[in-house]
Amino acid sequence: MTCRPGHRRDPAAEDGTAAGSGILNISMTSPFGHAQFEAPAAAVASFLRRTFRIVPAGQESLFIDFDAELAALLSQA
């Protein structure tokens, strides 16, 4: 199993005992700085499945006014 630099591999996944497990690396950059996070991939996948059950893809605007939220965020910057 190969890994890209900066990414960890899950040794348990090599023998198939933890298929689908691993670490998700999240990197965010803004004019104010850079942040890197690691999270269990299975936990993120579970969270996303629950989220899509509550707010199906394409129906986000029924639950939040993105224009108003973006305007509020930009006014704070």
PDB file of N, CA and C in Angstrom:
ATOM      1  N   MET A   1       0.856  -1.170   0.000  1.00  0.00           N
ATOM      2  CA  MET A   1       0.000   0.000   0.000  1.00  0.00           C
ATOM      3  C   MET A   1       0.901   1.231   0.000  1.00  0.00           C
ATOM      4  N   THR A   2       0.646   2.165  -0.875  1.00  0.00           N
ATOM      5  CA  THR A   2       1.437   3.389  -0.921  1.00  0.00           C
ATOM      6  C   THR A   2       0.632   4.551  -0.375  1.00  0.00           C
ATOM      7  N   CYS A   3       1.335   5.544   0.102  1.00  0.00           N
ATOM      8  CA  CYS A   3       0.696   6.731   0.650  1.00  0.00           C
ATOM      9  C   CYS A   3       1.324   7.953   0.024  1.00  0.00           C
ATOM     10  N   ARG A   4       0.518   8.955  -0.170  1.00  0.00           N
ATOM     11  CA  ARG A   4       1.058  10.232  -0.612  1.00  0.00           C
ATOM     12  C   ARG A   4       1.717  10.903   0.590  1.00  0.00           C
ATOM     13  N   PRO A   5       2.728  11.739   0.344  1.00  0.00           N
ATOM     14  CA  PRO A   5       3.362  12.436   1.464  1.00  0.00           C
ATOM     15  C   PRO A   5       2.325  13.188   2.291  1.00  0.00           C
ATOM     16  N   GLY A   6       2.470  13.099   3.603  1.00  0.00           N
ATOM     17  CA  GLY A   6       1.552  13.802   4.487  1.00  0.00           C
ATOM     18  C   GLY A   6       0.296  13.016   4.813  1.00  0.00           C
ATOM     19  N   HIS A   7       0.147  11.830   4.235  1.00  0.00           N
ATOM     20  CA  HIS A   7      -1.028  11.009   4.496  1.00  0.00           C
ATOM     21  C   HIS A   7      -0.603   9.757   5.247  1.00  0.00           C
ATOM     22  N   ARG A   8      -1.377   9.399   6.263  1.00  0.00           N
ATOM     23  CA  ARG A   8      -1.091   8.176   7.006  1.00  0.00           C
ATOM     24  C   ARG A   8      -1.932   7.053   6.445  1.00  0.00           C
ATOM     25  N   ARG A   9      -1.429   5.868   6.570  1.00  0.00           N
ATOM     26  CA  ARG A   9      -2.212   4.708   6.163  1.00  0.00           C
ATOM     27  C   ARG A   9      -2.645   3.964   7.415  1.00  0.00           C
ATOM     28  N   ASP A  10      -3.714   3.239   7.291  1.00  0.00           N
ATOM     29  CA  ASP A  10      -4.228   2.443   8.407  1.00  0.00           C
ATOM     30  C   ASP A  10      -3.668   1.034   8.259  1.00  0.00           C
ATOM     31  N   PRO A  11      -2.712   0.627   9.110  1.00  0.00           N
ATOM     32  CA  PRO A  11      -2.121  -0.702   8.959  1.00  0.00           C
ATOM     33  C   PRO A  11      -3.148  -1.819   9.010  1.00  0.00           C
ATOM     34  N   ALA A  12      -4.222  -1.657   9.769  1.00  0.00           N
ATOM     35  CA  ALA A  12      -5.240  -2.703   9.861  1.00  0.00           C
ATOM     36  C   ALA A  12      -5.929  -2.922   8.527  1.00  0.00           C
ATOM     37  N   ALA A  13      -5.988  -1.889   7.693  1.00  0.00           N
ATOM     38  CA  ALA A  13      -6.677  -2.011   6.409  1.00  0.00           C
ATOM     39  C   ALA A  13      -5.903  -2.885   5.439  1.00  0.00           C
ATOM     40  N   GLU A  14      -4.600  -3.057   5.643  1.00  0.00           N
ATOM     41  CA  GLU A  14      -3.794  -3.847   4.724  1.00  0.00           C
ATOM     42  C   GLU A  14      -4.214  -5.308   4.703  1.00  0.00           C
ATOM     43  N   ASP A  15      -4.634  -5.849   5.830  1.00  0.00           N
ATOM     44  CA  ASP A  15      -5.012  -7.261   5.854  1.00  0.00           C
ATOM     45  C   ASP A  15      -6.522  -7.461   5.694  1.00  0.00           C
ATOM     46  N   GLY A  16      -7.251  -6.369   5.451  1.00  0.00           N
ATOM     47  CA  GLY A  16      -8.678  -6.475   5.214  1.00  0.00           C
ATOM     48  C   GLY A  16      -9.523  -6.523   6.468  1.00  0.00           C
ATOM     49  N   THR A  17      -8.918  -6.483   7.635  1.00  0.00           N
ATOM     50  CA  THR A  17      -9.700  -6.584   8.861  1.00  0.00           C
ATOM     51  C   THR A  17     -10.500  -5.319   9.136  1.00  0.00           C
ATOM     52  N   ALA A  18     -10.085  -4.228   8.548  1.00  0.00           N
ATOM     53  CA  ALA A  18     -10.795  -2.965   8.762  1.00  0.00           C
ATOM     54  C   ALA A  18     -11.069  -2.320   7.409  1.00  0.00           C
ATOM     55  N   ALA A  19     -11.623  -3.109   6.503  1.00  0.00           N
ATOM     56  CA  ALA A  19     -11.884  -2.607   5.156  1.00  0.00           C
ATOM     57  C   ALA A  19     -12.706  -1.336   5.211  1.00  0.00           C
ATOM     58  N   GLY A  20     -12.283  -0.364   4.446  1.00  0.00           N
ATOM     59  CA  GLY A  20     -13.008   0.900   4.394  1.00  0.00           C
ATOM     60  C   GLY A  20     -12.611   1.860   5.503  1.00  0.00           C
ATOM     61  N   SER A  21     -11.761   1.416   6.412  1.00  0.00           N
ATOM     62  CA  SER A  21     -11.334   2.328   7.466  1.00  0.00           C
ATOM     63  C   SER A  21     -10.106   3.080   6.986  1.00  0.00           C
ATOM     64  N   GLY A  22      -9.833   4.157   7.632  1.00  0.00           N
ATOM     65  CA  GLY A  22      -8.682   4.956   7.282  1.00  0.00           C
ATOM     66  C   GLY A  22      -8.838   6.340   7.858  1.00  0.00           C
ATOM     67  N   ILE A  23      -7.914   7.151   7.506  1.00  0.00           N
ATOM     68  CA  ILE A  23      -7.897   8.513   8.002  1.00  0.00           C
ATOM     69  C   ILE A  23      -8.168   9.463   6.844  1.00  0.00           C
ATOM     70  N   LEU A  24      -9.076  10.384   7.048  1.00  0.00           N
ATOM     71  CA  LEU A  24      -9.379  11.420   6.071  1.00  0.00           C
ATOM     72  C   LEU A  24      -8.574  12.654   6.461  1.00  0.00           C
ATOM     73  N   ASN A  25      -7.773  13.157   5.540  1.00  0.00           N
ATOM     74  CA  ASN A  25      -6.987  14.365   5.774  1.00  0.00           C
ATOM     75  C   ASN A  25      -7.695  15.540   5.125  1.00  0.00           C
ATOM     76  N   ILE A  26      -7.966  16.553   5.918  1.00  0.00           N
ATOM     77  CA  ILE A  26      -8.679  17.738   5.440  1.00  0.00           C
ATOM     78  C   ILE A  26      -7.736  18.927   5.573  1.00  0.00           C
ATOM     79  N   SER A  27      -7.558  19.651   4.489  1.00  0.00           N
ATOM     80  CA  SER A  27      -6.672  20.808   4.488  1.00  0.00           C
ATOM     81  C   SER A  27      -7.462  22.019   3.996  1.00  0.00           C
ATOM     82  N   MET A  28      -7.438  23.080   4.782  1.00  0.00           N
ATOM     83  CA  MET A  28      -8.171  24.298   4.413  1.00  0.00           C
ATOM     84  C   MET A  28      -7.211  25.486   4.451  1.00  0.00           C
ATOM     85  N   THR A  29      -7.344  26.349   3.450  1.00  0.00           N
ATOM     86  CA  THR A  29      -6.498  27.540   3.363  1.00  0.00           C
ATOM     87  C   THR A  29      -7.377  28.747   3.115  1.00  0.00           C
ATOM     88  N   SER A  30      -7.047  29.835   3.774  1.00  0.00           N
ATOM     89  CA  SER A  30      -7.742  31.102   3.549  1.00  0.00           C
ATOM     90  C   SER A  30      -6.696  32.204   3.635  1.00  0.00           C
ATOM     91  N   PRO A  31      -7.090  33.438   3.342  1.00  0.00           N
ATOM     92  CA  PRO A  31      -6.130  34.538   3.493  1.00  0.00           C
ATOM     93  C   PRO A  31      -5.645  34.688   4.933  1.00  0.00           C
ATOM     94  N   PHE A  32      -6.354  34.090   5.884  1.00  0.00           N
ATOM     95  CA  PHE A  32      -6.011  34.244   7.299  1.00  0.00           C
ATOM     96  C   PHE A  32      -5.140  33.116   7.837  1.00  0.00           C
ATOM     97  N   GLY A  33      -4.920  32.075   7.042  1.00  0.00           N
ATOM     98  CA  GLY A  33      -4.068  30.991   7.513  1.00  0.00           C
ATOM     99  C   GLY A  33      -4.412  29.657   6.894  1.00  0.00           C
ATOM    100  N   HIS A  34      -3.810  28.631   7.454  1.00  0.00           N
ATOM    101  CA  HIS A  34      -3.953  27.277   6.940  1.00  0.00           C
ATOM    102  C   HIS A  34      -4.243  26.341   8.119  1.00  0.00           C
ATOM    103  N   ALA A  35      -5.128  25.377   7.903  1.00  0.00           N
ATOM    104  CA  ALA A  35      -5.449  24.404   8.952  1.00  0.00           C
ATOM    105  C   ALA A  35      -5.498  23.014   8.330  1.00  0.00           C
ATOM    106  N   GLN A  36      -5.022  22.038   9.079  1.00  0.00           N
ATOM    107  CA  GLN A  36      -5.093  20.651   8.644  1.00  0.00           C
ATOM    108  C   GLN A  36      -5.742  19.841   9.757  1.00  0.00           C
ATOM    109  N   PHE A  37      -6.641  18.945   9.354  1.00  0.00           N
ATOM    110  CA  PHE A  37      -7.366  18.107  10.295  1.00  0.00           C
ATOM    111  C   PHE A  37      -7.278  16.661   9.838  1.00  0.00           C
ATOM    112  N   GLU A  38      -7.373  15.753  10.764  1.00  0.00           N
ATOM    113  CA  GLU A  38      -7.507  14.336  10.466  1.00  0.00           C
ATOM    114  C   GLU A  38      -8.766  13.840  11.155  1.00  0.00           C
ATOM    115  N   ALA A  39      -9.483  12.980  10.465  1.00  0.00           N
ATOM    116  CA  ALA A  39     -10.694  12.401  11.042  1.00  0.00           C
ATOM    117  C   ALA A  39     -10.841  10.977  10.533  1.00  0.00           C
ATOM    118  N   PRO A  40     -11.438  10.109  11.326  1.00  0.00           N
ATOM    119  CA  PRO A  40     -11.683   8.748  10.839  1.00  0.00           C
ATOM    120  C   PRO A  40     -12.637   8.790   9.641  1.00  0.00           C
ATOM    121  N   ALA A  41     -12.220   8.196   8.536  1.00  0.00           N
ATOM    122  CA  ALA A  41     -13.030   8.229   7.314  1.00  0.00           C
ATOM    123  C   ALA A  41     -14.411   7.627   7.543  1.00  0.00           C
ATOM    124  N   ALA A  42     -14.495   6.552   8.316  1.00  0.00           N
ATOM    125  CA  ALA A  42     -15.788   5.905   8.565  1.00  0.00           C
ATOM    126  C   ALA A  42     -16.732   6.840   9.319  1.00  0.00           C
ATOM    127  N   ALA A  43     -16.206   7.605  10.263  1.00  0.00           N
ATOM    128  CA  ALA A  43     -17.045   8.537  11.022  1.00  0.00           C
ATOM    129  C   ALA A  43     -17.557   9.663  10.125  1.00  0.00           C
ATOM    130  N   VAL A  44     -16.705  10.154   9.233  1.00  0.00           N
ATOM    131  CA  VAL A  44     -17.130  11.214   8.307  1.00  0.00           C
ATOM    132  C   VAL A  44     -18.184  10.667   7.355  1.00  0.00           C
ATOM    133  N   ALA A  45     -17.991   9.460   6.839  1.00  0.00           N
ATOM    134  CA  ALA A  45     -18.972   8.845   5.938  1.00  0.00           C
ATOM    135  C   ALA A  45     -20.311   8.661   6.637  1.00  0.00           C
ATOM    136  N   SER A  46     -20.288   8.231   7.883  1.00  0.00           N
ATOM    137  CA  SER A  46     -21.524   8.054   8.653  1.00  0.00           C
ATOM    138  C   SER A  46     -22.235   9.388   8.846  1.00  0.00           C
ATOM    139  N   PHE A  47     -21.475  10.421   9.199  1.00  0.00           N
ATOM    140  CA  PHE A  47     -22.046  11.762   9.360  1.00  0.00           C
ATOM    141  C   PHE A  47     -22.699  12.241   8.061  1.00  0.00           C
ATOM    142  N   LEU A  48     -22.013  12.029   6.936  1.00  0.00           N
ATOM    143  CA  LEU A  48     -22.567  12.479   5.653  1.00  0.00           C
ATOM    144  C   LEU A  48     -23.836  11.712   5.290  1.00  0.00           C
ATOM    145  N   ARG A  49     -23.874  10.412   5.567  1.00  0.00           N
ATOM    146  CA  ARG A  49     -25.103   9.638   5.291  1.00  0.00           C
ATOM    147  C   ARG A  49     -26.274  10.179   6.100  1.00  0.00           C
ATOM    148  N   ARG A  50     -26.048  10.455   7.394  1.00  0.00           N
ATOM    149  CA  ARG A  50     -27.116  11.008   8.243  1.00  0.00           C
ATOM    150  C   ARG A  50     -27.540  12.391   7.741  1.00  0.00           C
ATOM    151  N   THR A  51     -26.568  13.198   7.333  1.00  0.00           N
ATOM    152  CA  THR A  51     -26.860  14.544   6.844  1.00  0.00           C
ATOM    153  C   THR A  51     -27.723  14.490   5.586  1.00  0.00           C
ATOM    154  N   PHE A  52     -27.380  13.599   4.637  1.00  0.00           N
ATOM    155  CA  PHE A  52     -28.144  13.507   3.393  1.00  0.00           C
ATOM    156  C   PHE A  52     -29.549  12.959   3.614  1.00  0.00           C
ATOM    157  N   ARG A  53     -29.750  12.179   4.683  1.00  0.00           N
ATOM    158  CA  ARG A  53     -31.115  11.731   4.996  1.00  0.00           C
ATOM    159  C   ARG A  53     -31.970  12.909   5.463  1.00  0.00           C
ATOM    160  N   ILE A  54     -31.355  13.824   6.210  1.00  0.00           N
ATOM    161  CA  ILE A  54     -32.088  14.972   6.741  1.00  0.00           C
ATOM    162  C   ILE A  54     -32.270  16.057   5.677  1.00  0.00           C
ATOM    163  N   VAL A  55     -31.194  16.347   4.946  1.00  0.00           N
ATOM    164  CA  VAL A  55     -31.218  17.382   3.908  1.00  0.00           C
ATOM    165  C   VAL A  55     -30.694  16.750   2.622  1.00  0.00           C
ATOM    166  N   PRO A  56     -31.588  16.257   1.769  1.00  0.00           N
ATOM    167  CA  PRO A  56     -31.166  15.613   0.524  1.00  0.00           C
ATOM    168  C   PRO A  56     -30.411  16.587  -0.388  1.00  0.00           C
ATOM    169  N   ALA A  57     -29.456  16.032  -1.129  1.00  0.00           N
ATOM    170  CA  ALA A  57     -28.676  16.834  -2.071  1.00  0.00           C
ATOM    171  C   ALA A  57     -29.609  17.590  -3.013  1.00  0.00           C
ATOM    172  N   GLY A  58     -29.322  18.860  -3.226  1.00  0.00           N
ATOM    173  CA  GLY A  58     -30.129  19.695  -4.105  1.00  0.00           C
ATOM    174  C   GLY A  58     -31.266  20.418  -3.403  1.00  0.00           C
ATOM    175  N   GLN A  59     -31.516  20.077  -2.127  1.00  0.00           N
ATOM    176  CA  GLN A  59     -32.606  20.706  -1.389  1.00  0.00           C
ATOM    177  C   GLN A  59     -32.113  21.597  -0.249  1.00  0.00           C
ATOM    178  N   GLU A  60     -30.826  21.901  -0.267  1.00  0.00           N
ATOM    179  CA  GLU A  60     -30.240  22.701   0.804  1.00  0.00           C
ATOM    180  C   GLU A  60     -30.913  24.061   0.955  1.00  0.00           C
ATOM    181  N   SER A  61     -31.293  24.665  -0.160  1.00  0.00           N
ATOM    182  CA  SER A  61     -31.888  26.007  -0.096  1.00  0.00           C
ATOM    183  C   SER A  61     -33.245  26.022   0.610  1.00  0.00           C
ATOM    184  N   LEU A  62     -33.862  24.851   0.808  1.00  0.00           N
ATOM    185  CA  LEU A  62     -35.113  24.789   1.555  1.00  0.00           C
ATOM    186  C   LEU A  62     -34.860  24.925   3.062  1.00  0.00           C
ATOM    187  N   PHE A  63     -33.613  24.724   3.468  1.00  0.00           N
ATOM    188  CA  PHE A  63     -33.267  24.712   4.887  1.00  0.00           C
ATOM    189  C   PHE A  63     -32.428  25.900   5.329  1.00  0.00           C
ATOM    190  N   ILE A  64     -31.752  26.565   4.387  1.00  0.00           N
ATOM    191  CA  ILE A  64     -30.878  27.676   4.745  1.00  0.00           C
ATOM    192  C   ILE A  64     -30.839  28.688   3.601  1.00  0.00           C
ATOM    193  N   ASP A  65     -30.792  29.951   3.951  1.00  0.00           N
ATOM    194  CA  ASP A  65     -30.682  31.021   2.963  1.00  0.00           C
ATOM    195  C   ASP A  65     -29.188  31.320   2.794  1.00  0.00           C
ATOM    196  N   PHE A  66     -28.572  30.684   1.798  1.00  0.00           N
ATOM    197  CA  PHE A  66     -27.134  30.818   1.608  1.00  0.00           C
ATOM    198  C   PHE A  66     -26.704  32.250   1.356  1.00  0.00           C
ATOM    199  N   ASP A  67     -27.496  33.005   0.594  1.00  0.00           N
ATOM    200  CA  ASP A  67     -27.134  34.398   0.310  1.00  0.00           C
ATOM    201  C   ASP A  67     -27.080  35.224   1.593  1.00  0.00           C
ATOM    202  N   ALA A  68     -28.063  35.039   2.463  1.00  0.00           N
ATOM    203  CA  ALA A  68     -28.090  35.782   3.723  1.00  0.00           C
ATOM    204  C   ALA A  68     -26.937  35.354   4.635  1.00  0.00           C
ATOM    205  N   GLU A  69     -26.662  34.062   4.692  1.00  0.00           N
ATOM    206  CA  GLU A  69     -25.564  33.574   5.531  1.00  0.00           C
ATOM    207  C   GLU A  69     -24.218  34.067   5.020  1.00  0.00           C
ATOM    208  N   LEU A  70     -24.027  34.059   3.705  1.00  0.00           N
ATOM    209  CA  LEU A  70     -22.772  34.542   3.128  1.00  0.00           C
ATOM    210  C   LEU A  70     -22.606  36.040   3.381  1.00  0.00           C
ATOM    211  N   ALA A  71     -23.670  36.791   3.218  1.00  0.00           N
ATOM    212  CA  ALA A  71     -23.610  38.235   3.482  1.00  0.00           C
ATOM    213  C   ALA A  71     -23.238  38.498   4.951  1.00  0.00           C
ATOM    214  N   ALA A  72     -23.799  37.712   5.857  1.00  0.00           N
ATOM    215  CA  ALA A  72     -23.484  37.877   7.278  1.00  0.00           C
ATOM    216  C   ALA A  72     -22.021  37.548   7.555  1.00  0.00           C
ATOM    217  N   LEU A  73     -21.524  36.473   6.945  1.00  0.00           N
ATOM    218  CA  LEU A  73     -20.120  36.099   7.135  1.00  0.00           C
ATOM    219  C   LEU A  73     -19.176  37.159   6.578  1.00  0.00           C
ATOM    220  N   LEU A  74     -19.490  37.658   5.390  1.00  0.00           N
ATOM    221  CA  LEU A  74     -18.625  38.661   4.762  1.00  0.00           C
ATOM    222  C   LEU A  74     -18.644  39.979   5.512  1.00  0.00           C
ATOM    223  N   SER A  75     -19.738  40.304   6.157  1.00  0.00           N
ATOM    224  CA  SER A  75     -19.819  41.554   6.903  1.00  0.00           C
ATOM    225  C   SER A  75     -18.960  41.486   8.162  1.00  0.00           C
ATOM    226  N   GLN A  76     -18.626  40.287   8.627  1.00  0.00           N
ATOM    227  CA  GLN A  76     -17.798  40.106   9.820  1.00  0.00           C
ATOM    228  C   GLN A  76     -16.316  40.085   9.493  1.00  0.00           C
ATOM    229  N   ALA A  77     -15.982  39.907   8.234  1.00  0.00           N
ATOM    230  CA  ALA A  77     -14.558  39.768   7.854  1.00  0.00           C
ATOM    231  C   ALA A  77     -13.831  41.086   7.869  1.00  0.00           C
TER     232      ALA A  77
END
